[in-house]
N, C-alpha and C. Protein backbone atom coordinates (compact mmCIF):
# COMPACT_ATOMS: atom_id res chain seq x y z
N ASP A 1 0.85 -1.22 0.23
CA ASP A 1 0.03 -0.06 0.02
C ASP A 1 0.73 1.20 0.06
N SER A 2 1.88 1.18 0.78
CA SER A 2 3.00 2.43 0.82
C SER A 2 3.56 2.69 -0.63
N VAL A 3 3.57 1.75 -1.40
CA VAL A 3 4.56 1.82 -2.53
C VAL A 3 3.39 2.55 -3.56
N ILE A 4 2.27 2.03 -3.73
CA ILE A 4 1.36 2.70 -4.51
C ILE A 4 1.20 4.08 -4.12
N ALA A 5 1.24 4.33 -2.73
CA ALA A 5 0.77 5.72 -2.35
C ALA A 5 2.26 6.76 -2.58
N PHE A 6 3.38 6.11 -2.45
CA PHE A 6 4.57 6.68 -3.05
C PHE A 6 4.43 7.03 -4.36
N LEU A 7 3.93 6.12 -5.30
CA LEU A 7 3.88 6.15 -6.60
C LEU A 7 2.82 7.40 -7.16
N GLY A 8 1.89 7.36 -6.49
CA GLY A 8 0.92 8.47 -6.62
C GLY A 8 1.27 9.61 -6.24
N LEU A 9 1.79 9.84 -5.21
CA LEU A 9 2.43 11.28 -4.68
C LEU A 9 3.54 11.59 -5.55
N THR A 10 4.50 10.69 -6.14
CA THR A 10 5.54 10.95 -7.09
C THR A 10 4.66 11.59 -8.64
N MET A 11 3.85 10.81 -8.92
CA MET A 11 3.11 11.31 -10.05
C MET A 11 2.59 12.76 -9.95
N ALA A 12 1.86 12.94 -8.76
CA ALA A 12 1.12 14.25 -8.60
C ALA A 12 2.09 15.42 -8.69
N LEU A 13 3.26 14.95 -8.07
CA LEU A 13 4.12 16.24 -8.01
C LEU A 13 4.91 16.40 -9.26
N LEU A 14 5.02 15.26 -9.93
CA LEU A 14 5.68 15.39 -11.48
C LEU A 14 4.80 16.28 -12.25
N LEU A 15 3.59 15.85 -12.22
CA LEU A 15 2.48 16.71 -13.25
C LEU A 15 2.45 17.95 -12.67
N ASN A 16 2.36 18.32 -11.29
CA ASN A 16 2.49 19.39 -10.80
C ASN A 16 3.52 20.40 -11.47
N GLY A 17 4.57 19.85 -11.34
CA GLY A 17 6.14 20.40 -11.87
C GLY A 17 5.84 20.76 -13.33
N ILE A 18 5.20 19.88 -14.11
CA ILE A 18 5.22 20.07 -15.75
C ILE A 18 4.28 21.20 -16.05
N ILE A 19 3.09 21.19 -15.11
CA ILE A 19 1.98 22.20 -15.60
C ILE A 19 2.42 23.58 -14.79
N THR A 20 3.30 23.54 -13.71
CA THR A 20 3.65 24.86 -13.16
C THR A 20 4.57 25.37 -13.91
N ASN A 21 5.50 24.77 -14.51
CA ASN A 21 6.52 25.34 -15.30
C ASN A 21 5.82 25.90 -16.75
N GLY A 22 4.83 24.97 -17.13
CA GLY A 22 4.24 25.54 -18.36
C GLY A 22 3.46 26.77 -18.05
N ILE A 23 2.83 27.05 -17.16
CA ILE A 23 2.25 28.25 -16.77
C ILE A 23 3.17 29.42 -16.76
N LYS A 24 4.39 29.08 -16.05
CA LYS A 24 5.39 30.09 -15.74
C LYS A 24 5.81 30.51 -17.21
N LEU A 25 6.18 29.65 -18.16
CA LEU A 25 6.67 30.03 -19.47
C LEU A 25 5.37 30.78 -20.21
N MET A 26 4.32 30.46 -20.06
CA MET A 26 2.89 31.17 -20.80
C MET A 26 2.87 32.69 -20.05
N VAL A 27 2.95 32.61 -18.75
CA VAL A 27 2.52 34.10 -18.21
C VAL A 27 3.58 34.98 -18.15
N GLY A 28 4.80 34.41 -17.78
CA GLY A 28 6.19 35.45 -17.94
C GLY A 28 6.09 36.43 -16.99
N ARG A 29 5.88 36.40 -15.83
CA ARG A 29 5.87 37.69 -14.79
C ARG A 29 7.18 37.59 -14.50
N PRO A 30 7.99 38.95 -14.51
CA PRO A 30 9.20 39.00 -14.23
C PRO A 30 9.62 38.96 -12.61
N ARG A 31 10.81 38.34 -12.39
CA ARG A 31 11.12 38.39 -11.00
C ARG A 31 11.70 39.86 -10.49
N PRO A 32 11.87 40.13 -9.19
CA PRO A 32 12.28 41.42 -8.85
C PRO A 32 13.44 41.91 -9.24
N ASP A 33 14.46 40.97 -9.68
CA ASP A 33 15.80 41.29 -10.25
C ASP A 33 16.05 41.20 -11.56
N PHE A 34 14.77 41.35 -12.45
CA PHE A 34 14.76 41.12 -13.82
C PHE A 34 15.65 42.24 -14.47
N PHE A 35 15.71 43.75 -13.94
CA PHE A 35 16.25 44.60 -14.34
C PHE A 35 17.75 44.35 -14.57
N GLU A 36 18.43 43.72 -13.58
CA GLU A 36 19.60 43.43 -13.58
C GLU A 36 20.05 42.33 -14.45
N ARG A 37 19.00 41.43 -14.61
CA ARG A 37 19.25 40.21 -15.52
C ARG A 37 19.35 40.73 -16.83
N CYS A 38 18.57 41.63 -17.29
CA CYS A 38 18.25 42.09 -18.72
C CYS A 38 19.34 43.29 -18.94
N PHE A 39 19.78 43.95 -18.03
CA PHE A 39 20.85 44.97 -18.28
C PHE A 39 21.81 44.82 -17.35
N PRO A 40 22.82 43.98 -17.59
CA PRO A 40 23.95 43.64 -16.43
C PRO A 40 24.62 44.83 -16.14
N ASP A 41 24.96 45.64 -17.05
CA ASP A 41 25.74 47.01 -16.75
C ASP A 41 24.91 48.01 -16.30
N ARG A 42 23.80 47.87 -16.04
CA ARG A 42 22.75 48.74 -15.42
C ARG A 42 22.46 49.83 -16.34
N LYS A 43 22.72 49.73 -17.54
CA LYS A 43 22.45 50.77 -18.36
C LYS A 43 21.49 50.38 -19.58
N PRO A 44 20.37 50.68 -19.87
CA PRO A 44 19.40 50.17 -20.70
C PRO A 44 19.81 50.84 -22.10
N LYS A 45 19.70 49.87 -23.15
CA LYS A 45 19.80 50.33 -24.64
C LYS A 45 18.45 50.26 -25.14
N PHE A 46 18.18 51.27 -25.98
CA PHE A 46 16.86 51.37 -26.57
C PHE A 46 17.02 51.21 -28.26
N ASP A 47 16.00 50.74 -28.58
CA ASP A 47 15.59 50.54 -29.98
C ASP A 47 14.50 51.54 -30.22
N GLY A 48 14.85 52.93 -30.46
CA GLY A 48 13.57 53.84 -30.66
C GLY A 48 13.16 54.06 -29.40
N VAL A 49 11.83 53.41 -29.04
CA VAL A 49 11.15 53.40 -27.96
C VAL A 49 11.16 52.19 -26.91
N THR A 50 11.32 50.93 -27.48
CA THR A 50 11.47 49.97 -26.76
C THR A 50 13.13 49.41 -26.29
N PRO A 51 13.08 48.96 -25.13
CA PRO A 51 14.30 48.76 -24.49
C PRO A 51 14.80 47.38 -24.93
N LEU A 52 16.16 47.12 -25.33
CA LEU A 52 16.82 45.78 -25.83
C LEU A 52 17.76 45.20 -24.69
N CYS A 53 17.25 43.89 -24.32
CA CYS A 53 18.00 43.21 -23.13
C CYS A 53 19.02 42.81 -23.83
N THR A 54 20.43 43.15 -22.90
CA THR A 54 21.66 42.79 -23.14
C THR A 54 22.28 41.54 -22.74
N GLY A 55 21.62 41.03 -21.67
CA GLY A 55 21.83 40.10 -20.70
C GLY A 55 21.87 38.71 -21.70
N ASP A 56 22.25 37.72 -20.79
CA ASP A 56 22.19 36.31 -21.32
C ASP A 56 20.94 35.79 -21.61
N GLU A 57 20.65 35.17 -22.67
CA GLU A 57 19.33 34.89 -23.01
C GLU A 57 18.79 33.83 -21.79
N ASP A 58 19.45 32.73 -21.58
CA ASP A 58 19.04 31.75 -20.66
C ASP A 58 18.61 32.47 -19.01
N VAL A 59 19.44 33.51 -18.91
CA VAL A 59 19.05 34.12 -17.54
C VAL A 59 17.89 35.08 -17.66
N ILE A 60 17.72 35.77 -18.66
CA ILE A 60 16.65 36.63 -18.98
C ILE A 60 15.18 35.55 -19.04
N ILE A 61 15.29 34.51 -19.71
CA ILE A 61 14.25 33.60 -19.69
C ILE A 61 13.93 33.04 -18.14
N GLU A 62 15.00 32.63 -17.49
CA GLU A 62 14.88 32.55 -16.02
C GLU A 62 14.28 33.60 -15.18
N GLY A 63 14.48 34.66 -15.62
CA GLY A 63 14.00 36.06 -14.86
C GLY A 63 12.52 36.24 -15.13
N ARG A 64 11.98 35.76 -16.00
CA ARG A 64 10.60 35.69 -16.24
C ARG A 64 9.77 34.62 -15.63
N LYS A 65 10.32 33.80 -14.66
CA LYS A 65 9.45 32.73 -14.23
C LYS A 65 9.13 32.87 -12.62
N SER A 66 8.58 34.06 -12.26
CA SER A 66 8.26 34.15 -10.99
C SER A 66 7.05 33.69 -10.75
N PHE A 67 5.82 33.58 -11.51
CA PHE A 67 4.50 33.29 -11.20
C PHE A 67 4.11 32.13 -11.92
N PRO A 68 3.40 31.05 -11.43
CA PRO A 68 3.15 30.95 -9.97
C PRO A 68 4.40 30.30 -9.26
N SER A 69 4.18 30.48 -8.01
CA SER A 69 5.21 30.07 -7.15
C SER A 69 5.36 28.53 -7.38
N GLY A 70 6.70 27.80 -7.58
CA GLY A 70 6.81 26.64 -7.52
C GLY A 70 6.64 26.10 -6.18
N HIS A 71 7.04 26.59 -5.20
CA HIS A 71 7.00 26.02 -3.78
C HIS A 71 5.52 25.84 -3.35
N SER A 72 4.75 26.74 -3.48
CA SER A 72 3.45 26.84 -3.04
C SER A 72 2.68 25.90 -3.86
N SER A 73 3.03 25.77 -5.16
CA SER A 73 2.09 24.90 -5.79
C SER A 73 2.59 23.44 -5.58
N TRP A 74 3.90 23.10 -5.24
CA TRP A 74 4.31 21.87 -4.73
C TRP A 74 3.82 21.30 -3.76
N SER A 75 3.55 22.42 -2.47
CA SER A 75 3.08 21.98 -1.27
C SER A 75 1.28 21.84 -1.42
N PHE A 76 0.89 22.55 -2.34
CA PHE A 76 -0.58 22.39 -2.57
C PHE A 76 -0.86 20.94 -3.24
N ALA A 77 -0.10 20.58 -4.22
CA ALA A 77 -0.19 19.25 -4.71
C ALA A 77 -0.02 18.13 -3.70
N GLY A 78 0.94 18.40 -2.89
CA GLY A 78 1.21 17.14 -1.91
C GLY A 78 0.22 17.29 -0.88
N LEU A 79 -0.29 18.13 -0.26
CA LEU A 79 -1.24 18.09 0.49
C LEU A 79 -2.68 17.77 0.05
N LEU A 80 -3.04 18.28 -1.13
CA LEU A 80 -4.21 17.55 -1.81
C LEU A 80 -4.10 16.28 -2.29
N PHE A 81 -2.94 15.62 -2.65
CA PHE A 81 -2.84 14.31 -2.79
C PHE A 81 -3.05 13.59 -1.40
N LEU A 82 -2.54 14.02 -0.19
CA LEU A 82 -2.74 13.36 1.15
C LEU A 82 -4.08 13.41 1.38
N SER A 83 -4.92 14.54 0.94
CA SER A 83 -6.35 14.55 1.32
C SER A 83 -7.01 13.57 0.61
N TYR A 84 -6.74 13.36 -0.58
CA TYR A 84 -7.31 12.41 -1.72
C TYR A 84 -7.17 10.98 -0.96
N TYR A 85 -5.73 10.70 -0.52
CA TYR A 85 -5.44 9.30 0.15
C TYR A 85 -6.24 9.18 1.23
N ILE A 86 -6.36 10.11 2.38
CA ILE A 86 -6.90 10.04 3.47
C ILE A 86 -8.58 9.71 3.22
N ALA A 87 -8.92 10.45 2.24
CA ALA A 87 -10.44 10.29 1.92
C ALA A 87 -10.62 8.79 1.41
N GLY A 88 -9.84 8.27 0.42
CA GLY A 88 -9.97 7.14 0.17
C GLY A 88 -9.81 5.82 1.27
N LYS A 89 -8.80 6.07 2.10
CA LYS A 89 -8.72 5.10 3.13
C LYS A 89 -9.78 5.14 4.09
N LEU A 90 -10.28 6.34 4.43
CA LEU A 90 -11.65 6.20 5.17
C LEU A 90 -12.83 6.09 4.55
N GLN A 91 -12.93 5.88 3.30
CA GLN A 91 -13.98 5.45 2.46
C GLN A 91 -15.22 6.64 2.75
N CYS A 92 -14.59 7.78 2.30
CA CYS A 92 -15.74 8.97 2.69
C CYS A 92 -17.01 8.71 1.77
N LEU A 93 -16.86 8.18 0.49
CA LEU A 93 -17.85 8.20 -0.36
C LEU A 93 -18.95 6.92 -0.27
N SER A 94 -18.29 6.02 0.65
CA SER A 94 -19.23 4.92 0.71
C SER A 94 -19.55 4.55 2.17
N ALA A 95 -19.30 5.27 3.14
CA ALA A 95 -19.69 5.22 4.41
C ALA A 95 -21.05 5.74 4.67
N PRO A 96 -21.62 5.23 5.88
CA PRO A 96 -22.98 5.64 6.23
C PRO A 96 -23.10 7.00 6.62
N PRO A 97 -24.07 7.64 6.32
CA PRO A 97 -24.15 9.19 6.52
C PRO A 97 -23.46 9.97 7.81
N PRO A 98 -23.60 9.79 9.07
CA PRO A 98 -23.09 10.42 10.04
C PRO A 98 -21.40 10.10 10.06
N LYS A 99 -20.97 8.79 9.67
CA LYS A 99 -19.66 8.65 9.70
C LYS A 99 -18.98 9.40 8.59
N SER A 100 -19.74 9.37 7.47
CA SER A 100 -19.09 9.87 6.10
C SER A 100 -18.71 11.46 6.26
N MET A 101 -19.63 11.90 7.06
CA MET A 101 -19.38 13.54 7.38
C MET A 101 -18.14 13.64 8.24
N LEU A 102 -17.87 12.94 9.04
CA LEU A 102 -16.74 13.07 9.92
C LEU A 102 -15.31 12.70 9.30
N ASN A 103 -15.61 11.63 8.41
CA ASN A 103 -14.42 11.21 7.45
C ASN A 103 -13.97 12.31 6.54
N PHE A 104 -15.06 12.93 5.98
CA PHE A 104 -14.88 14.06 5.03
C PHE A 104 -14.32 15.19 5.74
N VAL A 105 -14.39 15.30 6.81
CA VAL A 105 -14.17 16.50 7.57
C VAL A 105 -12.36 16.17 7.87
N ALA A 106 -12.17 14.89 8.22
CA ALA A 106 -10.85 14.40 8.44
C ALA A 106 -10.02 14.68 7.14
N ALA A 107 -10.58 14.17 6.19
CA ALA A 107 -9.89 14.30 4.81
C ALA A 107 -9.65 15.56 4.35
N LEU A 108 -10.29 16.63 4.73
CA LEU A 108 -10.09 17.93 4.41
C LEU A 108 -9.07 18.69 5.27
N CYS A 109 -8.50 18.13 6.39
CA CYS A 109 -7.69 18.72 7.32
C CYS A 109 -6.48 19.14 6.66
N PRO A 110 -5.86 18.21 5.81
CA PRO A 110 -4.35 18.47 5.28
C PRO A 110 -4.32 19.76 4.34
N PRO A 111 -5.27 19.82 3.42
CA PRO A 111 -5.03 21.05 2.53
C PRO A 111 -5.40 22.39 3.43
N SER A 112 -6.14 22.15 4.64
CA SER A 112 -6.66 23.50 5.08
C SER A 112 -5.67 23.97 6.26
N SER A 113 -5.01 22.94 6.62
CA SER A 113 -3.95 23.31 7.59
C SER A 113 -3.16 24.49 7.30
N PRO A 114 -2.35 24.78 6.08
CA PRO A 114 -1.80 25.99 5.83
C PRO A 114 -2.49 27.26 6.15
N CYS A 115 -3.73 27.31 6.23
CA CYS A 115 -4.59 28.42 6.37
C CYS A 115 -4.65 28.81 7.83
N LEU A 116 -4.45 27.95 8.79
CA LEU A 116 -4.46 28.32 9.99
C LEU A 116 -3.44 29.19 10.49
């Protein structure tokens, strides 16, 4: 049972990393140090009205990956998997009504714990 849980958690975190990185590439919100990444000599060069980045291209692309946070999405994916795992082990959807509500509340504890 623990091997299946470990494989499920690994899959959830792997998919989370792929989706998060894809969103980061599409959204492209700059990091706070983006100006220094784009203009290493701290002097912007312009092509008419638009500034031209003179920094290393890989460093500039990495500087546009600040949103969404990889740390928060990783923890959300882990806690959500834990919640689904607990809900499955407690049989939330197949238990009789009074017990199913308590099981459902217990299953919701992991993802709601960061809010406390």
